[in-house]
Amino acid sequence: MDAVLNNRDGFTVFRFGDHVIRLKAPYSLERYTRVKEWNNGYVVVDAKYRHNKQDEEEYIDLVPILKDLYFEPSAFLAPIKGAKIEYD
């Protein structure tokens, strides 16, 4: 099963199952455009920013975030097979 990544109202949103993790996003982030790599909680994405006409490569490391939220990263991430960008 894939996790879902997007951004809304100034936050990066990571969803998997019943869990929703919101992270403060850079002020100029318009949207995530593509997941380039999923590596057990380390996500490489392309993102579109207001100040640049071209997409930029960005990195999101969920492991320290999960630890700060008192999740066991290996147990939480084990069922996730990938990540995809999805907007409503």
C-alpha atoms as a PDB file:
ATOM      1  CA  MET A   1       0.000   0.000   0.000  1.00  0.00           C
ATOM      2  CA  ASP A   2       1.228   3.499  -0.839  1.00  0.00           C
ATOM      3  CA  ALA A   3       1.315   6.532   1.411  1.00  0.00           C
ATOM      4  CA  VAL A   4       0.000   9.850   0.079  1.00  0.00           C
ATOM      5  CA  LEU A   5       1.948  13.102   0.092  1.00  0.00           C
ATOM      6  CA  ASN A   6       0.672  16.587  -0.712  1.00  0.00           C
ATOM      7  CA  ASN A   7       0.592  20.088   0.696  1.00  0.00           C
ATOM      8  CA  ARG A   8      -2.250  22.234   1.970  1.00  0.00           C
ATOM      9  CA  ASP A   9      -2.577  25.487   3.896  1.00  0.00           C
ATOM     10  CA  GLY A  10       1.161  25.884   4.458  1.00  0.00           C
ATOM     11  CA  PHE A  11       1.766  22.294   5.530  1.00  0.00           C
ATOM     12  CA  THR A  12       3.204  19.169   3.976  1.00  0.00           C
ATOM     13  CA  VAL A  13       0.714  16.370   4.563  1.00  0.00           C
ATOM     14  CA  PHE A  14       1.747  12.699   4.758  1.00  0.00           C
ATOM     15  CA  ARG A  15      -1.119  10.201   4.991  1.00  0.00           C
ATOM     16  CA  PHE A  16      -1.061   6.478   5.530  1.00  0.00           C
ATOM     17  CA  GLY A  17      -4.014   4.472   6.776  1.00  0.00           C
ATOM     18  CA  ASP A  18      -5.662   6.355   9.633  1.00  0.00           C
ATOM     19  CA  HIS A  19      -2.564   8.480  10.282  1.00  0.00           C
ATOM     20  CA  VAL A  20      -2.069  12.026   9.043  1.00  0.00           C
ATOM     21  CA  ILE A  21       1.226  13.791   9.728  1.00  0.00           C
ATOM     22  CA  ARG A  22       1.416  17.505   9.015  1.00  0.00           C
ATOM     23  CA  LEU A  23       4.732  19.345   8.767  1.00  0.00           C
ATOM     24  CA  LYS A  24       5.272  23.065   8.307  1.00  0.00           C
ATOM     25  CA  ALA A  25       6.137  23.577   4.623  1.00  0.00           C
ATOM     26  CA  PRO A  26       8.348  26.280   3.105  1.00  0.00           C
ATOM     27  CA  TYR A  27       6.387  29.497   2.550  1.00  0.00           C
ATOM     28  CA  SER A  28       6.928  29.451  -1.230  1.00  0.00           C
ATOM     29  CA  LEU A  29       5.967  25.821  -1.858  1.00  0.00           C
ATOM     30  CA  GLU A  30       3.211  25.667  -4.452  1.00  0.00           C
ATOM     31  CA  ARG A  31       2.924  21.889  -4.753  1.00  0.00           C
ATOM     32  CA  TYR A  32       4.740  18.602  -4.872  1.00  0.00           C
ATOM     33  CA  THR A  33       4.878  17.339  -8.435  1.00  0.00           C
ATOM     34  CA  ARG A  34       6.480  13.892  -8.336  1.00  0.00           C
ATOM     35  CA  VAL A  35       7.816  11.253  -5.973  1.00  0.00           C
ATOM     36  CA  LYS A  36      11.187  10.233  -7.335  1.00  0.00           C
ATOM     37  CA  GLU A  37      12.149   7.731  -4.646  1.00  0.00           C
ATOM     38  CA  TRP A  38      10.733   6.047  -1.566  1.00  0.00           C
ATOM     39  CA  ASN A  39      13.350   4.483   0.684  1.00  0.00           C
ATOM     40  CA  ASN A  40      11.740   3.275   3.901  1.00  0.00           C
ATOM     41  CA  GLY A  41      10.725   6.698   5.158  1.00  0.00           C
ATOM     42  CA  TYR A  42      13.167   8.793   3.164  1.00  0.00           C
ATOM     43  CA  VAL A  43      11.316  10.472   0.307  1.00  0.00           C
ATOM     44  CA  VAL A  44      12.859  12.253  -2.662  1.00  0.00           C
ATOM     45  CA  VAL A  45      10.333  14.495  -4.414  1.00  0.00           C
ATOM     46  CA  ASP A  46      10.161  17.203  -7.015  1.00  0.00           C
ATOM     47  CA  ALA A  47       8.478  20.374  -5.805  1.00  0.00           C
ATOM     48  CA  LYS A  48       7.328  23.572  -7.480  1.00  0.00           C
ATOM     49  CA  TYR A  49       8.170  26.830  -5.699  1.00  0.00           C
ATOM     50  CA  ARG A  50       6.941  30.349  -6.499  1.00  0.00           C
ATOM     51  CA  HIS A  51      10.451  31.713  -6.972  1.00  0.00           C
ATOM     52  CA  ASN A  52      11.508  29.138  -9.571  1.00  0.00           C
ATOM     53  CA  LYS A  53       9.911  28.201 -12.901  1.00  0.00           C
ATOM     54  CA  GLN A  54      11.405  24.705 -12.747  1.00  0.00           C
ATOM     55  CA  ASP A  55      10.795  21.979 -10.194  1.00  0.00           C
ATOM     56  CA  GLU A  56      13.380  21.492  -7.458  1.00  0.00           C
ATOM     57  CA  GLU A  57      14.420  18.233  -5.862  1.00  0.00           C
ATOM     58  CA  GLU A  58      13.549  18.027  -2.159  1.00  0.00           C
ATOM     59  CA  TYR A  59      14.092  15.455   0.573  1.00  0.00           C
ATOM     60  CA  ILE A  60      11.805  14.429   3.427  1.00  0.00           C
ATOM     61  CA  ASP A  61      13.124  12.149   6.163  1.00  0.00           C
ATOM     62  CA  LEU A  62      10.204  10.751   8.135  1.00  0.00           C
ATOM     63  CA  VAL A  63      12.218   8.636  10.602  1.00  0.00           C
ATOM     64  CA  PRO A  64      13.182  11.451  13.025  1.00  0.00           C
ATOM     65  CA  ILE A  65       9.683  12.917  12.719  1.00  0.00           C
ATOM     66  CA  LEU A  66       8.096   9.583  13.619  1.00  0.00           C
ATOM     67  CA  LYS A  67      10.455   9.205  16.593  1.00  0.00           C
ATOM     68  CA  ASP A  68       9.501  12.703  17.826  1.00  0.00           C
ATOM     69  CA  LEU A  69       5.849  11.640  17.617  1.00  0.00           C
ATOM     70  CA  TYR A  70       6.593   8.488  19.663  1.00  0.00           C
ATOM     71  CA  PHE A  71       6.037   6.083  16.772  1.00  0.00           C
ATOM     72  CA  GLU A  72       8.308   3.104  16.220  1.00  0.00           C
ATOM     73  CA  PRO A  73       9.545   4.001  12.709  1.00  0.00           C
ATOM     74  CA  SER A  74      10.309   0.465  11.538  1.00  0.00           C
ATOM     75  CA  ALA A  75       6.838  -0.793  12.549  1.00  0.00           C
ATOM     76  CA  PHE A  76       5.030   2.231  11.091  1.00  0.00           C
ATOM     77  CA  LEU A  77       6.947   2.194   7.799  1.00  0.00           C
ATOM     78  CA  ALA A  78       6.995  -1.587   7.215  1.00  0.00           C
ATOM     79  CA  PRO A  79       3.629  -1.845   5.409  1.00  0.00           C
ATOM     80  CA  ILE A  80       4.299   1.195   3.191  1.00  0.00           C
ATOM     81  CA  LYS A  81       5.486   0.081  -0.237  1.00  0.00           C
ATOM     82  CA  GLY A  82       5.798   3.536  -1.786  1.00  0.00           C
ATOM     83  CA  ALA A  83       4.532   7.079  -1.805  1.00  0.00           C
ATOM     84  CA  LYS A  84       2.484   9.015  -4.323  1.00  0.00           C
ATOM     85  CA  ILE A  85       1.403  12.602  -4.822  1.00  0.00           C
ATOM     86  CA  GLU A  86      -2.351  13.049  -4.631  1.00  0.00           C
ATOM     87  CA  TYR A  87      -4.379  16.246  -4.500  1.00  0.00           C
ATOM     88  CA  ASP A  88      -8.156  16.475  -3.993  1.00  0.00           C
END
